[in-house]
Amino acid sequence: MDTEAQHTERDPSSPADPPPDPATDDGSRSVRVSGTHGAPDGPGDAEDTADPKGSKGAAGSESPKDGDGPEDADGGASGRGAGPSWRRTGLLGIACVGFLLLLSHFVAQPFLIPSGSMEPTLQVGDRILVNKLAYRFGSEPRRGDVVVFDGTGSFVREEPADNPVTGPLHDAAAALGLAAPDETDFVKRVVGVGGDRVVCCDAKGRITVNGTRVEEPYLTPGDRPSDVPFDIVVPPGTLWVMGDHRSQSSDSRDHLGSPGGGMVPVDKVVGRADWIVWPVARWTTVPESGAYDAVPAPPAGGHPTGPRGSGHG
């Protein structure tokens, strides 16, 4: 029923409506149509005087039902979104850890320094970043480089068996620099490369490489280059390595009687220690050493005398 039509077609003889009271008339159509205060006269009136909150808006969307106020709607949305939000966070965390593990496996791996064998260059608790690409494209370790290597077969006779439960967790934590490295991983400085003759010591207690005396400014103050005399020729494809804290370092000198003679195969080198990334106060690059700049290359035909004066080609 058209309520407007009811009023416009009213009998002319009927008394006129009283003039609207400006104080109470808000100009709404429902007040003019309804003869009572807020009570609809019929179905048509009910339609016109319905609460706008219960009707569809201009966009055609229905208003919230009873009990679905803004707070309830927000609470419901939060409750429904909590699950997916946690799942997204978990998946993002797993993706980040996976990316870091791939990065540490192929590009750069953090290592925790567990001992003082490389002091003062590297201190206990330092976390270094090892560049795995340093020797990946044909380059080989040079004298003076600080390297991380797997000592299995040279410093360690055989790799210890891992716990099947805790082993993978420890390996992952070590790969991220959060745990001490495996017992087979070592960090030392390269003193001799394939073909070099390394001798300790000359009359002033200095190491010589290919007959050239080497001044080692990176040694721990008060330490001598070595308390153990040696005269060795480094086989091709291997390295002679020593710690900077010579009196506290178990290095090539301690494995002269091992099957590898204290030498580390080049293919066991994990990478070059290039950066100290933690703690923040020690955030810097691992300094390069010019101590070996004057050392000549080994002779093409090998040294005329081998270890301890014996023939060695």
Protein backbone atom coordinates (compact mmCIF):
# COMPACT_ATOMS: atom_id res chain seq x y z
CA MET A 1 0.00 0.00 0.00
CA ASP A 2 1.27 3.45 -0.89
CA THR A 3 1.07 5.54 2.27
CA GLU A 4 1.67 8.76 0.38
CA ALA A 5 -1.37 8.07 -1.76
CA GLN A 6 -3.55 7.68 1.36
CA HIS A 7 -2.82 11.20 2.46
CA THR A 8 -2.96 12.91 -0.91
CA GLU A 9 -6.35 11.37 -1.76
CA ARG A 10 -7.97 12.31 1.56
CA ASP A 11 -11.53 13.68 1.49
CA PRO A 12 -11.40 17.50 1.12
CA SER A 13 -14.10 17.81 3.74
CA SER A 14 -11.99 16.21 6.41
CA PRO A 15 -10.32 18.58 8.82
CA ALA A 16 -6.86 19.68 7.85
CA ASP A 17 -3.91 18.33 9.63
CA PRO A 18 -2.60 20.57 12.37
CA PRO A 19 0.46 22.51 11.37
CA PRO A 20 3.67 20.73 12.24
CA ASP A 21 5.38 21.73 15.40
CA PRO A 22 8.84 22.97 14.50
CA ALA A 23 10.12 21.85 17.88
CA THR A 24 9.21 18.24 17.36
CA ASP A 25 9.07 17.85 13.61
CA ASP A 26 12.35 16.55 12.31
CA GLY A 27 11.06 16.38 8.79
CA SER A 28 11.00 12.61 8.79
CA ARG A 29 8.46 10.91 6.64
CA SER A 30 7.49 8.42 9.31
CA VAL A 31 6.24 11.14 11.67
CA ARG A 32 4.08 12.73 8.99
CA VAL A 33 2.60 9.40 7.93
CA SER A 34 1.97 7.88 11.35
CA GLY A 35 -0.88 9.20 13.37
CA THR A 36 0.53 7.78 16.61
CA HIS A 37 3.90 8.14 18.24
CA GLY A 38 6.07 5.43 16.67
CA ALA A 39 3.17 2.94 16.11
CA PRO A 40 2.66 1.90 12.48
CA ASP A 41 -0.94 1.90 11.18
CA GLY A 42 -0.54 -1.08 8.94
CA PRO A 43 1.76 -3.24 6.93
CA GLY A 44 2.64 -0.40 4.62
CA ASP A 45 3.36 1.90 7.51
CA ALA A 46 5.54 -0.71 9.15
CA GLU A 47 7.60 -0.87 6.04
CA ASP A 48 8.12 2.86 5.95
CA THR A 49 8.84 3.25 9.65
CA ALA A 50 11.17 0.28 10.04
CA ASP A 51 14.46 0.89 11.84
CA PRO A 52 17.09 1.69 9.22
CA LYS A 53 19.53 -0.54 11.08
CA GLY A 54 17.45 -3.55 10.12
CA SER A 55 17.15 -2.65 6.45
CA LYS A 56 19.56 -3.06 3.61
CA GLY A 57 21.76 -0.10 2.85
CA ALA A 58 22.43 1.49 -0.47
CA ALA A 59 25.05 -1.12 -1.23
CA GLY A 60 22.62 -3.96 -0.54
CA SER A 61 24.52 -5.33 2.48
CA GLU A 62 22.62 -6.30 5.59
CA SER A 63 23.48 -4.80 8.92
CA PRO A 64 24.80 -7.10 11.66
CA LYS A 65 22.23 -9.18 13.47
CA ASP A 66 21.55 -8.92 17.16
CA GLY A 67 24.66 -9.72 19.15
CA ASP A 68 26.91 -9.07 16.13
CA GLY A 69 28.11 -5.64 17.13
CA PRO A 70 31.53 -4.32 16.24
CA GLU A 71 33.15 -5.91 19.29
CA ASP A 72 31.59 -9.29 18.55
CA ALA A 73 32.55 -9.03 14.92
CA ASP A 74 36.13 -8.16 15.78
CA GLY A 75 36.37 -10.91 18.32
CA GLY A 76 35.00 -13.44 15.87
CA ALA A 77 37.37 -12.28 13.16
CA SER A 78 40.30 -12.48 15.55
CA GLY A 79 39.32 -15.94 16.66
CA ARG A 80 38.85 -17.20 13.13
CA GLY A 81 42.15 -15.62 11.94
CA ALA A 82 44.30 -16.87 14.81
CA GLY A 83 44.83 -20.29 13.26
CA PRO A 84 45.86 -19.16 9.78
CA SER A 85 48.02 -16.39 11.26
CA TRP A 86 50.01 -18.86 13.35
CA ARG A 87 50.30 -21.19 10.38
CA ARG A 88 51.60 -18.39 8.19
CA THR A 89 54.11 -17.39 10.87
CA GLY A 90 55.25 -21.00 11.25
CA LEU A 91 55.62 -21.51 7.51
CA LEU A 92 57.54 -18.24 7.21
CA GLY A 93 59.87 -19.31 10.02
CA ILE A 94 60.48 -22.70 8.40
CA ALA A 95 61.17 -21.01 5.05
CA CYS A 96 63.68 -18.63 6.68
CA VAL A 97 65.51 -21.46 8.45
CA GLY A 98 65.57 -23.48 5.23
CA PHE A 99 67.00 -20.51 3.33
CA LEU A 100 69.69 -19.97 5.95
CA LEU A 101 70.64 -23.65 5.89
CA LEU A 102 70.97 -23.57 2.12
CA LEU A 103 73.00 -20.37 2.35
CA SER A 104 75.31 -21.86 4.98
CA HIS A 105 75.73 -25.06 2.97
CA PHE A 106 76.67 -23.44 -0.33
CA VAL A 107 77.75 -19.82 0.24
CA ALA A 108 78.75 -18.75 3.76
CA GLN A 109 78.54 -20.63 7.03
CA PRO A 110 78.81 -19.23 10.55
CA PHE A 111 81.12 -21.02 13.00
CA LEU A 112 81.40 -20.66 16.74
CA ILE A 113 84.98 -20.48 18.06
CA PRO A 114 85.13 -22.91 21.01
CA SER A 115 88.79 -22.55 22.09
CA GLY A 116 91.63 -20.10 22.33
CA SER A 117 93.92 -21.79 19.80
CA MET A 118 93.63 -18.86 17.38
CA GLU A 119 93.99 -16.01 19.87
CA PRO A 120 94.36 -13.10 19.54
CA THR A 121 92.99 -13.21 15.99
CA LEU A 122 89.91 -15.19 17.02
CA GLN A 123 88.69 -15.35 20.59
CA VAL A 124 86.54 -17.83 22.47
CA GLY A 125 82.88 -17.14 21.72
CA ASP A 126 83.51 -15.34 18.44
CA ARG A 127 81.21 -16.25 15.59
CA ILE A 128 82.94 -16.12 12.26
CA LEU A 129 81.47 -16.27 8.80
CA VAL A 130 83.28 -18.71 6.54
CA ASN A 131 83.33 -17.92 2.84
CA LYS A 132 82.65 -21.22 1.05
CA LEU A 133 83.05 -19.66 -2.38
CA ALA A 134 86.64 -18.54 -1.73
CA TYR A 135 88.12 -21.78 -3.13
CA ARG A 136 85.16 -22.97 -5.18
CA PHE A 137 86.19 -21.70 -8.63
CA GLY A 138 89.77 -22.87 -9.04
CA SER A 139 91.41 -20.83 -6.27
CA GLU A 140 93.31 -22.62 -3.53
CA PRO A 141 94.25 -21.66 0.03
CA ARG A 142 97.25 -19.35 0.29
CA ARG A 143 99.84 -18.97 3.00
CA GLY A 144 98.44 -16.78 5.77
CA ASP A 145 94.77 -17.63 5.12
CA VAL A 146 92.67 -18.58 8.15
CA VAL A 147 90.66 -21.63 7.09
CA VAL A 148 88.08 -23.99 8.52
CA PHE A 149 88.55 -27.63 7.54
CA ASP A 150 87.28 -31.09 8.26
CA GLY A 151 90.04 -32.91 10.12
CA THR A 152 88.69 -36.40 9.52
CA GLY A 153 91.59 -38.56 8.36
CA SER A 154 94.23 -36.00 9.32
CA PHE A 155 93.56 -34.56 12.79
CA VAL A 156 90.87 -37.12 13.66
CA ARG A 157 91.23 -40.76 12.67
CA GLU A 158 87.54 -41.36 12.03
CA GLU A 159 84.34 -39.40 12.33
CA PRO A 160 82.46 -40.19 15.55
CA ALA A 161 78.96 -41.60 15.20
CA ASP A 162 76.17 -39.05 15.68
CA ASN A 163 73.21 -39.60 17.93
CA PRO A 164 70.31 -40.25 15.52
CA VAL A 165 68.04 -37.88 17.46
CA THR A 166 70.27 -35.07 18.67
CA GLY A 167 72.82 -35.31 15.85
CA PRO A 168 70.73 -33.63 13.13
CA LEU A 169 69.56 -30.94 15.57
CA HIS A 170 73.15 -30.19 16.58
CA ASP A 171 74.27 -30.12 12.95
CA ALA A 172 71.52 -27.63 12.09
CA ALA A 173 72.37 -25.45 15.08
CA ALA A 174 76.09 -25.59 14.23
CA ALA A 175 75.33 -24.66 10.62
CA LEU A 176 73.59 -21.53 11.89
CA GLY A 177 76.42 -20.71 14.30
CA LEU A 178 74.25 -21.41 17.36
CA ALA A 179 76.25 -24.37 18.64
CA ALA A 180 79.86 -25.45 18.78
CA PRO A 181 81.08 -27.04 15.55
CA ASP A 182 81.59 -30.76 15.17
CA GLU A 183 84.64 -32.25 16.85
CA THR A 184 86.07 -32.87 13.40
CA ASP A 185 85.99 -29.18 12.37
CA PHE A 186 89.06 -27.02 13.01
CA VAL A 187 90.12 -23.45 12.32
CA LYS A 188 93.84 -22.77 11.72
CA ARG A 189 96.18 -20.58 9.70
CA VAL A 190 97.84 -21.90 6.56
CA VAL A 191 101.61 -21.80 6.96
CA GLY A 192 102.69 -24.03 4.08
CA VAL A 193 101.06 -25.09 0.80
CA GLY A 194 101.87 -27.96 -1.56
CA GLY A 195 105.58 -28.10 -2.38
CA ASP A 196 106.70 -25.76 0.46
CA ARG A 197 109.45 -26.69 2.84
CA VAL A 198 108.59 -25.45 6.35
CA VAL A 199 111.31 -25.54 9.00
CA CYS A 200 111.39 -24.59 12.66
CA CYS A 201 113.32 -22.94 13.75
CA ASP A 202 116.20 -20.67 12.74
CA ALA A 203 118.78 -19.27 15.16
CA LYS A 204 116.33 -16.59 16.30
CA GLY A 205 113.46 -19.04 16.75
CA ARG A 206 111.62 -18.07 13.57
CA ILE A 207 109.91 -20.34 11.07
CA THR A 208 111.31 -20.43 7.55
CA VAL A 209 109.31 -21.27 4.44
CA ASN A 210 111.29 -22.17 1.32
CA GLY A 211 114.35 -20.76 3.05
CA THR A 212 112.76 -17.37 3.83
CA ARG A 213 112.37 -16.25 7.44
CA VAL A 214 108.80 -15.35 8.39
CA GLU A 215 107.87 -12.69 10.93
CA GLU A 216 104.50 -13.60 12.40
CA PRO A 217 102.84 -10.52 13.97
CA TYR A 218 99.59 -12.40 14.61
CA LEU A 219 101.10 -14.69 17.29
CA THR A 220 99.92 -14.40 20.88
CA PRO A 221 102.35 -12.06 22.68
CA GLY A 222 104.92 -14.12 24.58
CA ASP A 223 104.46 -17.22 22.42
CA ARG A 224 107.36 -18.63 20.42
CA PRO A 225 106.70 -19.79 16.83
CA SER A 226 107.07 -23.39 18.03
CA ASP A 227 108.49 -25.37 20.90
CA VAL A 228 108.52 -28.44 18.65
CA PRO A 229 111.26 -28.56 16.00
CA PHE A 230 110.24 -29.83 12.58
CA ASP A 231 111.45 -29.90 9.01
CA ILE A 232 108.81 -30.97 6.51
CA VAL A 233 107.95 -30.69 2.85
CA VAL A 234 104.24 -30.27 2.19
CA PRO A 235 102.98 -32.82 -0.35
CA PRO A 236 101.00 -31.45 -3.33
CA GLY A 237 97.32 -31.00 -2.65
CA THR A 238 97.79 -30.61 1.11
CA LEU A 239 98.39 -27.86 3.68
CA TRP A 240 100.51 -27.38 6.77
CA VAL A 241 98.43 -25.43 9.31
CA MET A 242 99.12 -23.92 12.73
CA GLY A 243 97.21 -21.92 15.33
CA ASP A 244 98.09 -18.34 16.25
CA HIS A 245 98.25 -19.25 19.95
CA ARG A 246 101.06 -21.72 19.42
CA SER A 247 101.38 -22.86 23.03
CA GLN A 248 97.65 -23.71 23.15
CA SER A 249 97.10 -25.03 19.63
CA SER A 250 96.84 -28.65 18.60
CA ASP A 251 97.77 -28.40 14.93
CA SER A 252 99.92 -30.03 12.26
CA ARG A 253 102.85 -30.31 14.67
CA ASP A 254 100.89 -32.65 16.93
CA HIS A 255 100.05 -35.02 14.08
CA LEU A 256 103.46 -35.59 12.54
CA GLY A 257 103.18 -39.28 13.43
CA SER A 258 99.60 -39.64 12.13
CA PRO A 259 98.88 -41.36 8.81
CA GLY A 260 98.62 -37.99 7.07
CA GLY A 261 101.78 -36.65 8.72
CA GLY A 262 99.88 -33.62 10.00
CA MET A 263 98.90 -32.49 6.50
CA VAL A 264 95.35 -31.38 5.67
CA PRO A 265 94.02 -32.26 2.19
CA VAL A 266 92.89 -29.18 0.28
CA ASP A 267 89.59 -30.86 -0.56
CA LYS A 268 88.82 -31.03 3.18
CA VAL A 269 88.84 -27.24 3.49
CA VAL A 270 85.35 -25.92 4.19
CA GLY A 271 86.19 -22.30 3.41
CA ARG A 272 88.09 -19.18 4.41
CA ALA A 273 87.27 -17.28 7.59
CA ASP A 274 86.57 -13.79 6.28
CA TRP A 275 84.42 -12.02 8.90
CA ILE A 276 83.86 -11.87 12.64
CA VAL A 277 80.12 -11.26 12.95
CA TRP A 278 79.62 -11.62 16.71
CA PRO A 279 79.91 -10.09 19.24
CA VAL A 280 79.02 -6.71 17.78
CA ALA A 281 82.03 -5.07 19.45
CA ARG A 282 84.31 -7.33 17.36
CA TRP A 283 82.38 -7.02 14.12
CA THR A 284 85.15 -6.83 11.53
CA THR A 285 86.91 -8.71 8.78
CA VAL A 286 89.56 -11.28 9.63
CA PRO A 287 92.73 -9.34 8.77
CA GLU A 288 94.88 -10.61 5.96
CA SER A 289 98.53 -11.22 6.72
CA GLY A 290 101.44 -10.00 4.66
CA ALA A 291 103.87 -12.18 6.60
CA TYR A 292 104.37 -14.51 3.62
CA ASP A 293 104.57 -11.96 0.85
CA ALA A 294 108.34 -12.42 0.49
CA VAL A 295 108.19 -16.23 0.45
CA PRO A 296 109.12 -17.57 -3.01
CA ALA A 297 107.30 -20.37 -4.76
CA PRO A 298 108.77 -23.82 -4.21
CA PRO A 299 111.28 -24.96 -6.81
CA ALA A 300 109.77 -26.69 -9.81
CA GLY A 301 111.83 -29.85 -9.25
CA GLY A 302 111.15 -29.98 -5.53
CA HIS A 303 113.50 -29.26 -2.67
CA PRO A 304 116.92 -30.94 -2.83
CA THR A 305 116.57 -32.23 0.70
CA GLY A 306 113.46 -33.46 2.46
CA PRO A 307 112.37 -33.68 6.05
CA ARG A 308 115.22 -33.71 8.53
CA GLY A 309 117.75 -33.78 5.70
CA SER A 310 116.53 -36.96 4.05
CA GLY A 311 115.91 -37.09 0.35
CA HIS A 312 112.43 -36.03 -0.68
CA GLY A 313 111.55 -35.31 -4.23
